[in-house]
Amino acid sequence: RVALPELSARDVLWRFHFFLGAGVPTVARKKMIDSFCQQGSIDTSEMLEELVAFGAAGLLAPSRTATPEVS
C-alpha cells in the first residue's frame, strides 16, 4: 500500500490475489511447464523474471476506482 498510494486497499487486495493465483501454480508446476516447452527445461530464473514482470504490470496498472481509500 505504501508503494502504490494511488490504489485503493481493495485494488491492492485484488491485484495481489491475482498475482498469487498466477504465481503459486507456475512455481509449483514447473515440471509440467517444462513438458510443454519444445526446447527442453525452462530456466527457473527466466520463469521468475517473467512472473515478476507479469505481476508488476498488474500492480502498476491504472486504478479502475475513482479515488483511493484514506487509511
N, C-alpha and C. Protein backbone atom coordinates (compact mmCIF):
# COMPACT_ATOMS: atom_id res chain seq x y z
N ARG A 1 0.82 -1.20 0.00
CA ARG A 1 0.00 0.00 0.00
C ARG A 1 0.86 1.25 0.00
N VAL A 2 1.99 1.23 0.69
CA VAL A 2 2.87 2.39 0.72
C VAL A 2 3.44 2.67 -0.67
N ALA A 3 3.80 1.62 -1.39
CA ALA A 3 4.40 1.77 -2.71
C ALA A 3 3.38 2.15 -3.78
N LEU A 4 2.10 1.93 -3.53
CA LEU A 4 1.05 2.20 -4.52
C LEU A 4 -0.06 3.05 -3.90
N PRO A 5 0.27 4.28 -3.46
CA PRO A 5 -0.73 5.10 -2.77
C PRO A 5 -1.91 5.51 -3.65
N GLU A 6 -1.74 5.45 -4.96
CA GLU A 6 -2.83 5.82 -5.86
C GLU A 6 -3.90 4.74 -5.96
N LEU A 7 -3.62 3.57 -5.41
CA LEU A 7 -4.59 2.47 -5.45
C LEU A 7 -5.34 2.37 -4.14
N SER A 8 -6.59 1.96 -4.22
CA SER A 8 -7.36 1.70 -3.02
C SER A 8 -6.91 0.39 -2.39
N ALA A 9 -7.25 0.18 -1.14
CA ALA A 9 -6.92 -1.07 -0.46
C ALA A 9 -7.54 -2.25 -1.22
N ARG A 10 -8.73 -2.05 -1.74
CA ARG A 10 -9.41 -3.11 -2.49
C ARG A 10 -8.66 -3.44 -3.78
N ASP A 11 -8.17 -2.40 -4.49
CA ASP A 11 -7.37 -2.63 -5.69
C ASP A 11 -6.14 -3.47 -5.37
N VAL A 12 -5.43 -3.10 -4.32
CA VAL A 12 -4.21 -3.82 -3.94
C VAL A 12 -4.56 -5.26 -3.57
N LEU A 13 -5.63 -5.45 -2.82
CA LEU A 13 -6.05 -6.80 -2.43
C LEU A 13 -6.28 -7.67 -3.66
N TRP A 14 -7.07 -7.20 -4.62
CA TRP A 14 -7.38 -7.99 -5.80
C TRP A 14 -6.13 -8.26 -6.63
N ARG A 15 -5.32 -7.26 -6.81
CA ARG A 15 -4.12 -7.44 -7.63
C ARG A 15 -3.16 -8.44 -7.01
N PHE A 16 -2.98 -8.35 -5.70
CA PHE A 16 -2.10 -9.30 -5.03
C PHE A 16 -2.69 -10.71 -5.08
N HIS A 17 -4.01 -10.81 -4.91
CA HIS A 17 -4.69 -12.10 -5.00
C HIS A 17 -4.46 -12.74 -6.38
N PHE A 18 -4.63 -11.96 -7.44
CA PHE A 18 -4.45 -12.49 -8.79
C PHE A 18 -2.98 -12.83 -9.06
N PHE A 19 -2.06 -12.03 -8.53
CA PHE A 19 -0.64 -12.33 -8.69
C PHE A 19 -0.30 -13.67 -8.03
N LEU A 20 -0.79 -13.88 -6.81
CA LEU A 20 -0.56 -15.17 -6.16
C LEU A 20 -1.23 -16.30 -6.93
N GLY A 21 -2.41 -16.04 -7.46
CA GLY A 21 -3.12 -17.05 -8.24
C GLY A 21 -2.37 -17.47 -9.48
N ALA A 22 -1.59 -16.58 -10.04
CA ALA A 22 -0.77 -16.92 -11.21
C ALA A 22 0.58 -17.50 -10.77
N GLY A 23 1.14 -16.96 -9.72
CA GLY A 23 2.49 -17.33 -9.31
C GLY A 23 2.64 -18.68 -8.66
N VAL A 24 1.76 -18.99 -7.73
CA VAL A 24 1.89 -20.25 -6.99
C VAL A 24 1.81 -21.46 -7.92
N PRO A 25 0.81 -21.56 -8.79
CA PRO A 25 0.77 -22.72 -9.69
C PRO A 25 1.96 -22.75 -10.66
N THR A 26 2.42 -21.59 -11.09
CA THR A 26 3.55 -21.55 -12.01
C THR A 26 4.79 -22.15 -11.38
N VAL A 27 5.08 -21.75 -10.16
CA VAL A 27 6.26 -22.27 -9.47
C VAL A 27 6.06 -23.73 -9.10
N ALA A 28 4.87 -24.08 -8.63
CA ALA A 28 4.61 -25.45 -8.19
C ALA A 28 4.58 -26.45 -9.34
N ARG A 29 4.27 -25.99 -10.53
CA ARG A 29 4.11 -26.90 -11.67
C ARG A 29 5.20 -26.70 -12.73
N LYS A 30 6.40 -26.37 -12.30
CA LYS A 30 7.48 -26.13 -13.26
C LYS A 30 7.72 -27.35 -14.16
N LYS A 31 7.64 -28.54 -13.60
CA LYS A 31 7.88 -29.74 -14.42
C LYS A 31 6.84 -29.86 -15.53
N MET A 32 5.59 -29.50 -15.23
CA MET A 32 4.55 -29.56 -16.25
C MET A 32 4.83 -28.51 -17.33
N ILE A 33 5.23 -27.32 -16.92
CA ILE A 33 5.55 -26.27 -17.89
C ILE A 33 6.72 -26.72 -18.75
N ASP A 34 7.73 -27.34 -18.13
CA ASP A 34 8.87 -27.86 -18.89
C ASP A 34 8.42 -28.84 -19.96
N SER A 35 7.41 -29.66 -19.65
CA SER A 35 6.95 -30.66 -20.62
C SER A 35 6.30 -30.01 -21.85
N PHE A 36 5.78 -28.79 -21.70
CA PHE A 36 5.18 -28.08 -22.84
C PHE A 36 6.22 -27.34 -23.67
N CYS A 37 7.38 -27.10 -23.07
CA CYS A 37 8.44 -26.36 -23.75
C CYS A 37 9.11 -27.27 -24.77
N GLN A 38 9.24 -26.80 -25.99
CA GLN A 38 9.82 -27.62 -27.06
C GLN A 38 11.35 -27.55 -27.08
N GLN A 39 11.92 -26.73 -26.22
CA GLN A 39 13.38 -26.56 -26.23
C GLN A 39 14.02 -27.07 -24.95
N GLY A 40 13.38 -27.99 -24.27
CA GLY A 40 13.93 -28.52 -23.03
C GLY A 40 13.40 -27.79 -21.81
N SER A 41 14.12 -27.90 -20.73
CA SER A 41 13.69 -27.31 -19.46
C SER A 41 13.76 -25.78 -19.49
N ILE A 42 12.78 -25.15 -18.86
CA ILE A 42 12.77 -23.70 -18.73
C ILE A 42 13.64 -23.32 -17.54
N ASP A 43 14.49 -22.34 -17.74
CA ASP A 43 15.37 -21.85 -16.69
C ASP A 43 14.53 -21.21 -15.58
N THR A 44 14.79 -21.62 -14.33
CA THR A 44 14.00 -21.12 -13.20
C THR A 44 14.11 -19.61 -13.06
N SER A 45 15.30 -19.05 -13.25
CA SER A 45 15.44 -17.59 -13.13
C SER A 45 14.66 -16.86 -14.22
N GLU A 46 14.61 -17.44 -15.43
CA GLU A 46 13.81 -16.85 -16.51
C GLU A 46 12.33 -16.88 -16.15
N MET A 47 11.89 -18.02 -15.60
CA MET A 47 10.49 -18.16 -15.20
C MET A 47 10.13 -17.10 -14.15
N LEU A 48 11.00 -16.91 -13.17
CA LEU A 48 10.71 -15.93 -12.12
C LEU A 48 10.75 -14.50 -12.66
N GLU A 49 11.66 -14.21 -13.59
CA GLU A 49 11.69 -12.88 -14.21
C GLU A 49 10.38 -12.59 -14.95
N GLU A 50 9.89 -13.57 -15.68
CA GLU A 50 8.62 -13.41 -16.40
C GLU A 50 7.46 -13.22 -15.43
N LEU A 51 7.46 -13.98 -14.35
CA LEU A 51 6.40 -13.87 -13.34
C LEU A 51 6.42 -12.50 -12.67
N VAL A 52 7.60 -12.01 -12.34
CA VAL A 52 7.71 -10.68 -11.72
C VAL A 52 7.26 -9.59 -12.69
N ALA A 53 7.65 -9.70 -13.96
CA ALA A 53 7.22 -8.72 -14.97
C ALA A 53 5.70 -8.71 -15.10
N PHE A 54 5.11 -9.90 -15.12
CA PHE A 54 3.65 -10.02 -15.20
C PHE A 54 2.98 -9.39 -13.98
N GLY A 55 3.48 -9.72 -12.79
CA GLY A 55 2.91 -9.18 -11.56
C GLY A 55 3.07 -7.68 -11.46
N ALA A 56 4.22 -7.17 -11.84
CA ALA A 56 4.46 -5.73 -11.78
C ALA A 56 3.51 -4.98 -12.71
N ALA A 57 3.30 -5.52 -13.89
CA ALA A 57 2.37 -4.87 -14.84
C ALA A 57 0.97 -4.78 -14.24
N GLY A 58 0.55 -5.85 -13.59
CA GLY A 58 -0.77 -5.84 -12.96
C GLY A 58 -0.86 -4.86 -11.79
N LEU A 59 0.17 -4.85 -10.96
CA LEU A 59 0.17 -3.94 -9.81
C LEU A 59 0.25 -2.48 -10.23
N LEU A 60 0.96 -2.19 -11.30
CA LEU A 60 1.17 -0.81 -11.73
C LEU A 60 0.12 -0.28 -12.69
N ALA A 61 -0.84 -1.11 -13.07
CA ALA A 61 -1.90 -0.67 -13.98
C ALA A 61 -2.71 0.46 -13.31
N PRO A 62 -3.26 1.36 -14.11
CA PRO A 62 -4.07 2.44 -13.54
C PRO A 62 -5.26 1.89 -12.75
N SER A 63 -5.64 2.62 -11.73
CA SER A 63 -6.76 2.21 -10.89
C SER A 63 -8.07 2.32 -11.67
N ARG A 64 -8.96 1.38 -11.41
CA ARG A 64 -10.29 1.43 -12.01
C ARG A 64 -11.27 2.14 -11.10
N THR A 65 -10.88 2.39 -9.85
CA THR A 65 -11.76 3.07 -8.90
C THR A 65 -11.55 4.58 -9.01
N ALA A 66 -12.53 5.32 -8.60
CA ALA A 66 -12.48 6.78 -8.75
C ALA A 66 -11.42 7.42 -7.86
N THR A 67 -11.38 7.07 -6.59
CA THR A 67 -10.43 7.67 -5.66
C THR A 67 -9.90 6.63 -4.70
N PRO A 68 -8.64 6.75 -4.28
CA PRO A 68 -8.11 5.81 -3.29
C PRO A 68 -8.76 5.98 -1.93
N GLU A 69 -8.78 4.90 -1.16
CA GLU A 69 -9.32 4.97 0.19
C GLU A 69 -8.33 5.66 1.10
N VAL A 70 -8.82 6.42 2.06
CA VAL A 70 -7.97 7.06 3.05
C VAL A 70 -7.86 6.14 4.23
N SER A 71 -6.61 5.88 4.64
CA SER A 71 -6.44 4.95 5.78
C SER A 71 -6.04 5.69 7.04
